[in-house]
């Protein structure tokens, strides 16, 4: 688990916020370009993927037992960074 993200936050809402911000930073730096990349980041952070829908990813933190769902355009199964960049132009 990386020290850049406070995955072990006591409040699941705070933890979810940290994770979402971290993923957005990875997208902005072109490190992540699609949903698969996001899933890999979550795995590298030590989070377990507990479910996926067309537009969300549910995770569990085995260290704290906290569970939460990440929702939004970047968690859509067909999302790509290229599509995000093209939509902003």
PDB file of N, CA and C in Angstrom:
ATOM      1  N   UNK A   1       0.845  -1.171   0.000  1.00  0.00           N
ATOM      2  CA  UNK A   1       0.000   0.000   0.000  1.00  0.00           C
ATOM      3  C   UNK A   1       0.891   1.235   0.000  1.00  0.00           C
ATOM      4  N   UNK A   2       0.520   2.206  -0.754  1.00  0.00           N
ATOM      5  CA  UNK A   2       1.305   3.432  -0.881  1.00  0.00           C
ATOM      6  C   UNK A   2       1.038   4.377   0.283  1.00  0.00           C
ATOM      7  N   UNK A   3       2.065   5.126   0.657  1.00  0.00           N
ATOM      8  CA  UNK A   3       1.896   6.099   1.736  1.00  0.00           C
ATOM      9  C   UNK A   3       1.208   7.366   1.236  1.00  0.00           C
ATOM     10  N   UNK A   4       1.021   7.485  -0.081  1.00  0.00           N
ATOM     11  CA  UNK A   4       0.398   8.676  -0.656  1.00  0.00           C
ATOM     12  C   UNK A   4      -1.099   8.757  -0.361  1.00  0.00           C
ATOM     13  N   UNK A   5      -1.696   7.649  -0.004  1.00  0.00           N
ATOM     14  CA  UNK A   5      -3.136   7.607   0.201  1.00  0.00           C
ATOM     15  C   UNK A   5      -3.415   7.088   1.604  1.00  0.00           C
ATOM     16  N   UNK A   6      -4.325   7.731   2.280  1.00  0.00           N
ATOM     17  CA  UNK A   6      -4.693   7.315   3.628  1.00  0.00           C
ATOM     18  C   UNK A   6      -5.860   6.346   3.547  1.00  0.00           C
ATOM     19  N   UNK A   7      -5.553   5.130   3.107  1.00  0.00           N
ATOM     20  CA  UNK A   7      -6.583   4.118   2.919  1.00  0.00           C
ATOM     21  C   UNK A   7      -7.199   3.717   4.254  1.00  0.00           C
ATOM     22  N   UNK A   8      -6.445   3.826   5.323  1.00  0.00           N
ATOM     23  CA  UNK A   8      -6.915   3.384   6.626  1.00  0.00           C
ATOM     24  C   UNK A   8      -7.711   4.421   7.393  1.00  0.00           C
ATOM     25  N   UNK A   9      -8.275   5.386   6.733  1.00  0.00           N
ATOM     26  CA  UNK A   9      -9.071   6.417   7.407  1.00  0.00           C
ATOM     27  C   UNK A   9     -10.187   5.758   8.213  1.00  0.00           C
ATOM     28  N   UNK A  10     -10.450   6.290   9.399  1.00  0.00           N
ATOM     29  CA  UNK A  10     -11.441   5.675  10.280  1.00  0.00           C
ATOM     30  C   UNK A  10     -12.866   5.832   9.742  1.00  0.00           C
ATOM     31  N   UNK A  11     -13.163   6.920   9.105  1.00  0.00           N
ATOM     32  CA  UNK A  11     -14.486   7.165   8.540  1.00  0.00           C
ATOM     33  C   UNK A  11     -14.489   6.715   7.079  1.00  0.00           C
ATOM     34  N   UNK A  12     -15.407   5.835   6.710  1.00  0.00           N
ATOM     35  CA  UNK A  12     -15.418   5.317   5.341  1.00  0.00           C
ATOM     36  C   UNK A  12     -15.612   6.421   4.315  1.00  0.00           C
ATOM     37  N   UNK A  13     -16.351   7.479   4.668  1.00  0.00           N
ATOM     38  CA  UNK A  13     -16.554   8.584   3.714  1.00  0.00           C
ATOM     39  C   UNK A  13     -15.235   9.299   3.443  1.00  0.00           C
ATOM     40  N   UNK A  14     -14.467   9.493   4.505  1.00  0.00           N
ATOM     41  CA  UNK A  14     -13.167  10.134   4.352  1.00  0.00           C
ATOM     42  C   UNK A  14     -12.246   9.244   3.515  1.00  0.00           C
ATOM     43  N   UNK A  15     -12.239   7.953   3.796  1.00  0.00           N
ATOM     44  CA  UNK A  15     -11.423   7.017   3.027  1.00  0.00           C
ATOM     45  C   UNK A  15     -11.807   7.005   1.560  1.00  0.00           C
ATOM     46  N   UNK A  16     -13.108   7.007   1.295  1.00  0.00           N
ATOM     47  CA  UNK A  16     -13.585   7.039  -0.092  1.00  0.00           C
ATOM     48  C   UNK A  16     -13.115   8.311  -0.780  1.00  0.00           C
ATOM     49  N   UNK A  17     -13.150   9.435  -0.072  1.00  0.00           N
ATOM     50  CA  UNK A  17     -12.685  10.709  -0.630  1.00  0.00           C
ATOM     51  C   UNK A  17     -11.207  10.674  -0.971  1.00  0.00           C
ATOM     52  N   UNK A  18     -10.409  10.101  -0.068  1.00  0.00           N
ATOM     53  CA  UNK A  18      -8.971   9.985  -0.330  1.00  0.00           C
ATOM     54  C   UNK A  18      -8.711   9.137  -1.577  1.00  0.00           C
ATOM     55  N   UNK A  19      -9.409   8.016  -1.672  1.00  0.00           N
ATOM     56  CA  UNK A  19      -9.218   7.110  -2.811  1.00  0.00           C
ATOM     57  C   UNK A  19      -9.629   7.801  -4.109  1.00  0.00           C
ATOM     58  N   UNK A  20     -10.780   8.447  -4.115  1.00  0.00           N
ATOM     59  CA  UNK A  20     -11.257   9.124  -5.326  1.00  0.00           C
ATOM     60  C   UNK A  20     -10.271  10.216  -5.761  1.00  0.00           C
ATOM     61  N   UNK A  21      -9.787  11.004  -4.811  1.00  0.00           N
ATOM     62  CA  UNK A  21      -8.818  12.061  -5.127  1.00  0.00           C
ATOM     63  C   UNK A  21      -7.544  11.465  -5.701  1.00  0.00           C
ATOM     64  N   UNK A  22      -7.069  10.384  -5.119  1.00  0.00           N
ATOM     65  CA  UNK A  22      -5.857   9.716  -5.602  1.00  0.00           C
ATOM     66  C   UNK A  22      -6.047   9.229  -7.041  1.00  0.00           C
ATOM     67  N   UNK A  23      -7.187   8.614  -7.319  1.00  0.00           N
ATOM     68  CA  UNK A  23      -7.467   8.133  -8.675  1.00  0.00           C
ATOM     69  C   UNK A  23      -7.525   9.305  -9.653  1.00  0.00           C
ATOM     70  N   UNK A  24      -8.167  10.393  -9.266  1.00  0.00           N
ATOM     71  CA  UNK A  24      -8.236  11.581 -10.133  1.00  0.00           C
ATOM     72  C   UNK A  24      -6.846  12.140 -10.421  1.00  0.00           C
ATOM     73  N   UNK A  25      -5.965  12.120  -9.430  1.00  0.00           N
ATOM     74  CA  UNK A  25      -4.588  12.575  -9.642  1.00  0.00           C
ATOM     75  C   UNK A  25      -3.868  11.666 -10.634  1.00  0.00           C
ATOM     76  N   UNK A  26      -4.106  10.365 -10.546  1.00  0.00           N
ATOM     77  CA  UNK A  26      -3.489   9.416 -11.481  1.00  0.00           C
ATOM     78  C   UNK A  26      -4.026   9.631 -12.899  1.00  0.00           C
ATOM     79  N   UNK A  27      -5.297   9.943 -13.025  1.00  0.00           N
ATOM     80  CA  UNK A  27      -5.884  10.231 -14.334  1.00  0.00           C
ATOM     81  C   UNK A  27      -5.274  11.507 -14.899  1.00  0.00           C
ATOM     82  N   UNK A  28      -5.162  12.537 -14.067  1.00  0.00           N
ATOM     83  CA  UNK A  28      -4.600  13.820 -14.510  1.00  0.00           C
ATOM     84  C   UNK A  28      -3.150  13.681 -14.951  1.00  0.00           C
ATOM     85  N   UNK A  29      -2.418  12.768 -14.333  1.00  0.00           N
ATOM     86  CA  UNK A  29      -1.010  12.578 -14.695  1.00  0.00           C
ATOM     87  C   UNK A  29      -0.840  11.543 -15.805  1.00  0.00           C
ATOM     88  N   UNK A  30      -1.938  11.098 -16.393  1.00  0.00           N
ATOM     89  CA  UNK A  30      -1.956  10.118 -17.487  1.00  0.00           C
ATOM     90  C   UNK A  30      -1.458   8.742 -17.064  1.00  0.00           C
ATOM     91  N   UNK A  31      -1.447   8.457 -15.775  1.00  0.00           N
ATOM     92  CA  UNK A  31      -1.041   7.146 -15.284  1.00  0.00           C
ATOM     93  C   UNK A  31      -2.159   6.130 -15.466  1.00  0.00           C
ATOM     94  N   UNK A  32      -3.403   6.589 -15.379  1.00  0.00           N
ATOM     95  CA  UNK A  32      -4.577   5.730 -15.517  1.00  0.00           C
ATOM     96  C   UNK A  32      -5.396   6.233 -16.691  1.00  0.00           C
ATOM     97  N   UNK A  33      -5.830   5.304 -17.565  1.00  0.00           N
ATOM     98  CA  UNK A  33      -6.560   5.724 -18.747  1.00  0.00           C
ATOM     99  C   UNK A  33      -7.881   5.033 -18.984  1.00  0.00           C
ATOM    100  N   UNK A  34      -8.240   4.075 -18.099  1.00  0.00           N
ATOM    101  CA  UNK A  34      -9.513   3.375 -18.271  1.00  0.00           C
ATOM    102  C   UNK A  34      -9.909   2.698 -16.960  1.00  0.00           C
ATOM    103  N   UNK A  35     -11.069   2.068 -16.965  1.00  0.00           N
ATOM    104  CA  UNK A  35     -11.562   1.438 -15.736  1.00  0.00           C
ATOM    105  C   UNK A  35     -10.632   0.334 -15.262  1.00  0.00           C
ATOM    106  N   UNK A  36     -10.070  -0.426 -16.172  1.00  0.00           N
ATOM    107  CA  UNK A  36      -9.142  -1.485 -15.773  1.00  0.00           C
ATOM    108  C   UNK A  36      -7.974  -0.895 -14.986  1.00  0.00           C
ATOM    109  N   UNK A  37      -7.453   0.241 -15.428  1.00  0.00           N
ATOM    110  CA  UNK A  37      -6.369   0.915 -14.716  1.00  0.00           C
ATOM    111  C   UNK A  37      -6.790   1.331 -13.317  1.00  0.00           C
ATOM    112  N   UNK A  38      -8.026   1.786 -13.185  1.00  0.00           N
ATOM    113  CA  UNK A  38      -8.556   2.158 -11.869  1.00  0.00           C
ATOM    114  C   UNK A  38      -8.623   0.926 -10.970  1.00  0.00           C
ATOM    115  N   UNK A  39      -9.088  -0.191 -11.518  1.00  0.00           N
ATOM    116  CA  UNK A  39      -9.157  -1.423 -10.730  1.00  0.00           C
ATOM    117  C   UNK A  39      -7.772  -1.866 -10.276  1.00  0.00           C
ATOM    118  N   UNK A  40      -6.779  -1.692 -11.137  1.00  0.00           N
ATOM    119  CA  UNK A  40      -5.409  -2.050 -10.765  1.00  0.00           C
ATOM    120  C   UNK A  40      -4.890  -1.151  -9.637  1.00  0.00           C
ATOM    121  N   UNK A  41      -5.202   0.135  -9.699  1.00  0.00           N
ATOM    122  CA  UNK A  41      -4.802   1.066  -8.632  1.00  0.00           C
ATOM    123  C   UNK A  41      -5.440   0.636  -7.310  1.00  0.00           C
ATOM    124  N   UNK A  42      -6.714   0.321  -7.330  1.00  0.00           N
ATOM    125  CA  UNK A  42      -7.407  -0.104  -6.114  1.00  0.00           C
ATOM    126  C   UNK A  42      -6.755  -1.354  -5.536  1.00  0.00           C
ATOM    127  N   UNK A  43      -6.420  -2.290  -6.407  1.00  0.00           N
ATOM    128  CA  UNK A  43      -5.752  -3.521  -5.974  1.00  0.00           C
ATOM    129  C   UNK A  43      -4.382  -3.212  -5.361  1.00  0.00           C
ATOM    130  N   UNK A  44      -3.608  -2.344  -6.009  1.00  0.00           N
ATOM    131  CA  UNK A  44      -2.288  -1.966  -5.498  1.00  0.00           C
ATOM    132  C   UNK A  44      -2.379  -1.294  -4.131  1.00  0.00           C
ATOM    133  N   UNK A  45      -3.483  -0.616  -3.865  1.00  0.00           N
ATOM    134  CA  UNK A  45      -3.690   0.042  -2.576  1.00  0.00           C
ATOM    135  C   UNK A  45      -4.104  -0.945  -1.485  1.00  0.00           C
ATOM    136  N   UNK A  46      -4.297  -2.195  -1.873  1.00  0.00           N
ATOM    137  CA  UNK A  46      -4.667  -3.213  -0.901  1.00  0.00           C
ATOM    138  C   UNK A  46      -6.160  -3.341  -0.675  1.00  0.00           C
ATOM    139  N   UNK A  47      -6.954  -2.740  -1.551  1.00  0.00           N
ATOM    140  CA  UNK A  47      -8.407  -2.820  -1.436  1.00  0.00           C
ATOM    141  C   UNK A  47      -8.922  -4.022  -2.219  1.00  0.00           C
ATOM    142  N   UNK A  48      -9.985  -4.622  -1.732  1.00  0.00           N
ATOM    143  CA  UNK A  48     -10.606  -5.746  -2.424  1.00  0.00           C
ATOM    144  C   UNK A  48     -11.803  -5.237  -3.220  1.00  0.00           C
ATOM    145  N   UNK A  49     -11.879  -5.624  -4.482  1.00  0.00           N
ATOM    146  CA  UNK A  49     -13.029  -5.284  -5.321  1.00  0.00           C
ATOM    147  C   UNK A  49     -14.141  -6.262  -4.945  1.00  0.00           C
ATOM    148  N   UNK A  50     -15.238  -5.749  -4.408  1.00  0.00           N
ATOM    149  CA  UNK A  50     -16.323  -6.624  -3.969  1.00  0.00           C
ATOM    150  C   UNK A  50     -17.504  -6.643  -4.931  1.00  0.00           C
ATOM    151  N   UNK A  51     -17.530  -5.707  -5.866  1.00  0.00           N
ATOM    152  CA  UNK A  51     -18.615  -5.682  -6.838  1.00  0.00           C
ATOM    153  C   UNK A  51     -18.402  -4.610  -7.888  1.00  0.00           C
ATOM    154  N   UNK A  52     -19.015  -4.837  -9.041  1.00  0.00           N
ATOM    155  CA  UNK A  52     -18.945  -3.869 -10.130  1.00  0.00           C
ATOM    156  C   UNK A  52     -20.305  -3.824 -10.817  1.00  0.00           C
ATOM    157  N   UNK A  53     -20.728  -2.615 -11.151  1.00  0.00           N
ATOM    158  CA  UNK A  53     -21.907  -2.447 -11.993  1.00  0.00           C
ATOM    159  C   UNK A  53     -21.451  -1.653 -13.206  1.00  0.00           C
ATOM    160  N   UNK A  54     -22.379  -1.301 -14.059  1.00  0.00           N
ATOM    161  CA  UNK A  54     -22.021  -0.580 -15.271  1.00  0.00           C
ATOM    162  C   UNK A  54     -21.356   0.763 -14.963  1.00  0.00           C
ATOM    163  N   UNK A  55     -21.711   1.385 -13.807  1.00  0.00           N
ATOM    164  CA  UNK A  55     -21.164   2.714 -13.516  1.00  0.00           C
ATOM    165  C   UNK A  55     -20.621   2.887 -12.095  1.00  0.00           C
ATOM    166  N   UNK A  56     -20.253   1.782 -11.448  1.00  0.00           N
ATOM    167  CA  UNK A  56     -19.692   1.900 -10.101  1.00  0.00           C
ATOM    168  C   UNK A  56     -18.791   0.714  -9.779  1.00  0.00           C
ATOM    169  N   UNK A  57     -17.955   0.925  -8.761  1.00  0.00           N
ATOM    170  CA  UNK A  57     -17.061  -0.117  -8.268  1.00  0.00           C
ATOM    171  C   UNK A  57     -17.176  -0.117  -6.746  1.00  0.00           C
ATOM    172  N   UNK A  58     -17.471  -1.276  -6.168  1.00  0.00           N
ATOM    173  CA  UNK A  58     -17.553  -1.406  -4.715  1.00  0.00           C
ATOM    174  C   UNK A  58     -16.278  -2.058  -4.211  1.00  0.00           C
ATOM    175  N   UNK A  59     -15.759  -1.524  -3.111  1.00  0.00           N
ATOM    176  CA  UNK A  59     -14.505  -2.029  -2.555  1.00  0.00           C
ATOM    177  C   UNK A  59     -14.627  -2.226  -1.051  1.00  0.00           C
ATOM    178  N   UNK A  60     -13.704  -3.022  -0.534  1.00  0.00           N
ATOM    179  CA  UNK A  60     -13.607  -3.267   0.893  1.00  0.00           C
ATOM    180  C   UNK A  60     -12.152  -3.100   1.296  1.00  0.00           C
ATOM    181  N   UNK A  61     -11.935  -2.480   2.457  1.00  0.00           N
ATOM    182  CA  UNK A  61     -10.590  -2.347   2.999  1.00  0.00           C
ATOM    183  C   UNK A  61     -10.421  -3.440   4.049  1.00  0.00           C
ATOM    184  N   UNK A  62      -9.615  -4.467   3.759  1.00  0.00           N
ATOM    185  CA  UNK A  62      -9.475  -5.572   4.699  1.00  0.00           C
ATOM    186  C   UNK A  62      -8.845  -5.160   6.035  1.00  0.00           C
ATOM    187  N   UNK A  63      -8.112  -4.059   6.054  1.00  0.00           N
ATOM    188  CA  UNK A  63      -7.476  -3.604   7.292  1.00  0.00           C
ATOM    189  C   UNK A  63      -8.479  -3.014   8.271  1.00  0.00           C
ATOM    190  N   UNK A  64      -9.487  -2.319   7.761  1.00  0.00           N
ATOM    191  CA  UNK A  64     -10.442  -1.627   8.632  1.00  0.00           C
ATOM    192  C   UNK A  64     -11.836  -2.237   8.594  1.00  0.00           C
ATOM    193  N   UNK A  65     -12.109  -3.027   7.570  1.00  0.00           N
ATOM    194  CA  UNK A  65     -13.450  -3.563   7.387  1.00  0.00           C
ATOM    195  C   UNK A  65     -14.395  -2.582   6.712  1.00  0.00           C
ATOM    196  N   UNK A  66     -13.909  -1.369   6.431  1.00  0.00           N
ATOM    197  CA  UNK A  66     -14.736  -0.360   5.757  1.00  0.00           C
ATOM    198  C   UNK A  66     -15.049  -0.795   4.336  1.00  0.00           C
ATOM    199  N   UNK A  67     -16.294  -0.564   3.924  1.00  0.00           N
ATOM    200  CA  UNK A  67     -16.732  -0.862   2.560  1.00  0.00           C
ATOM    201  C   UNK A  67     -17.385   0.381   2.003  1.00  0.00           C
ATOM    202  N   UNK A  68     -17.172   0.628   0.711  1.00  0.00           N
ATOM    203  CA  UNK A  68     -17.810   1.771   0.072  1.00  0.00           C
ATOM    204  C   UNK A  68     -17.865   1.556  -1.423  1.00  0.00           C
ATOM    205  N   UNK A  69     -18.680   2.369  -2.079  1.00  0.00           N
ATOM    206  CA  UNK A  69     -18.853   2.288  -3.523  1.00  0.00           C
ATOM    207  C   UNK A  69     -18.396   3.591  -4.154  1.00  0.00           C
ATOM    208  N   UNK A  70     -17.601   3.463  -5.201  1.00  0.00           N
ATOM    209  CA  UNK A  70     -17.126   4.609  -5.976  1.00  0.00           C
ATOM    210  C   UNK A  70     -18.034   4.741  -7.194  1.00  0.00           C
ATOM    211  N   UNK A  71     -18.643   5.916  -7.348  1.00  0.00           N
ATOM    212  CA  UNK A  71     -19.575   6.147  -8.455  1.00  0.00           C
ATOM    213  C   UNK A  71     -19.172   7.390  -9.224  1.00  0.00           C
ATOM    214  N   UNK A  72     -19.555   7.424 -10.482  1.00  0.00           N
ATOM    215  CA  UNK A  72     -19.294   8.584 -11.317  1.00  0.00           C
ATOM    216  C   UNK A  72     -18.819   8.162 -12.691  1.00  0.00           C
ATOM    217  N   UNK A  73     -18.651   9.143 -13.560  1.00  0.00           N
ATOM    218  CA  UNK A  73     -18.284   8.858 -14.951  1.00  0.00           C
ATOM    219  C   UNK A  73     -16.994   8.059 -15.071  1.00  0.00           C
ATOM    220  N   UNK A  74     -16.010   8.356 -14.229  1.00  0.00           N
ATOM    221  CA  UNK A  74     -14.723   7.662 -14.372  1.00  0.00           C
ATOM    222  C   UNK A  74     -14.794   6.199 -13.942  1.00  0.00           C
ATOM    223  N   UNK A  75     -15.856   5.808 -13.251  1.00  0.00           N
ATOM    224  CA  UNK A  75     -15.998   4.416 -12.825  1.00  0.00           C
ATOM    225  C   UNK A  75     -16.892   3.613 -13.774  1.00  0.00           C
ATOM    226  N   UNK A  76     -17.386   4.257 -14.837  1.00  0.00           N
ATOM    227  CA  UNK A  76     -18.212   3.571 -15.832  1.00  0.00           C
ATOM    228  C   UNK A  76     -17.355   2.536 -16.547  1.00  0.00           C
ATOM    229  N   UNK A  77     -17.938   1.382 -16.856  1.00  0.00           N
ATOM    230  CA  UNK A  77     -17.164   0.288 -17.441  1.00  0.00           C
ATOM    231  C   UNK A  77     -16.537   0.635 -18.791  1.00  0.00           C
ATOM    232  N   UNK A  78     -17.101   1.577 -19.538  1.00  0.00           N
ATOM    233  CA  UNK A  78     -16.544   1.945 -20.846  1.00  0.00           C
ATOM    234  C   UNK A  78     -15.769   3.252 -20.825  1.00  0.00           C
ATOM    235  N   UNK A  79     -15.520   3.803 -19.627  1.00  0.00           N
ATOM    236  CA  UNK A  79     -14.815   5.075 -19.520  1.00  0.00           C
ATOM    237  C   UNK A  79     -13.362   4.945 -19.985  1.00  0.00           C
ATOM    238  N   UNK A  80     -12.908   5.968 -20.724  1.00  0.00           N
ATOM    239  CA  UNK A  80     -11.489   6.079 -21.078  1.00  0.00           C
ATOM    240  C   UNK A  80     -11.056   7.524 -20.894  1.00  0.00           C
ATOM    241  N   UNK A  81      -9.784   7.695 -20.603  1.00  0.00           N
ATOM    242  CA  UNK A  81      -9.240   9.044 -20.454  1.00  0.00           C
ATOM    243  C   UNK A  81      -9.346   9.795 -21.777  1.00  0.00           C
ATOM    244  N   UNK A  82      -9.166   9.094 -22.884  1.00  0.00           N
ATOM    245  CA  UNK A  82      -9.277   9.709 -24.205  1.00  0.00           C
ATOM    246  C   UNK A  82     -10.658  10.327 -24.385  1.00  0.00           C
ATOM    247  N   UNK A  83     -11.699   9.621 -23.991  1.00  0.00           N
ATOM    248  CA  UNK A  83     -13.054  10.154 -24.078  1.00  0.00           C
ATOM    249  C   UNK A  83     -13.234  11.377 -23.211  1.00  0.00           C
ATOM    250  N   UNK A  84     -12.600  11.400 -22.051  1.00  0.00           N
ATOM    251  CA  UNK A  84     -12.671  12.551 -21.153  1.00  0.00           C
ATOM    252  C   UNK A  84     -12.012  13.760 -21.791  1.00  0.00           C
ATOM    253  N   UNK A  85     -10.836  13.567 -22.370  1.00  0.00           N
ATOM    254  CA  UNK A  85     -10.106  14.667 -23.009  1.00  0.00           C
ATOM    255  C   UNK A  85     -10.884  15.189 -24.209  1.00  0.00           C
ATOM    256  N   UNK A  86     -11.440  14.283 -25.028  1.00  0.00           N
ATOM    257  CA  UNK A  86     -12.203  14.696 -26.209  1.00  0.00           C
ATOM    258  C   UNK A  86     -13.460  15.471 -25.828  1.00  0.00           C
ATOM    259  N   UNK A  87     -14.109  15.101 -24.723  1.00  0.00           N
ATOM    260  CA  UNK A  87     -15.325  15.800 -24.284  1.00  0.00           C
ATOM    261  C   UNK A  87     -15.032  17.194 -23.756  1.00  0.00           C
ATOM    262  N   UNK A  88     -13.805  17.463 -23.320  1.00  0.00           N
ATOM    263  CA  UNK A  88     -13.457  18.768 -22.781  1.00  0.00           C
ATOM    264  C   UNK A  88     -13.078  19.761 -23.869  1.00  0.00           C
ATOM    265  N   UNK A  89     -12.860  19.287 -25.069  1.00  0.00           N
ATOM    266  CA  UNK A  89     -12.441  20.179 -26.158  1.00  0.00           C
ATOM    267  C   UNK A  89     -13.622  20.823 -26.827  1.00  0.00           C
TER     268      UNK A  89
END
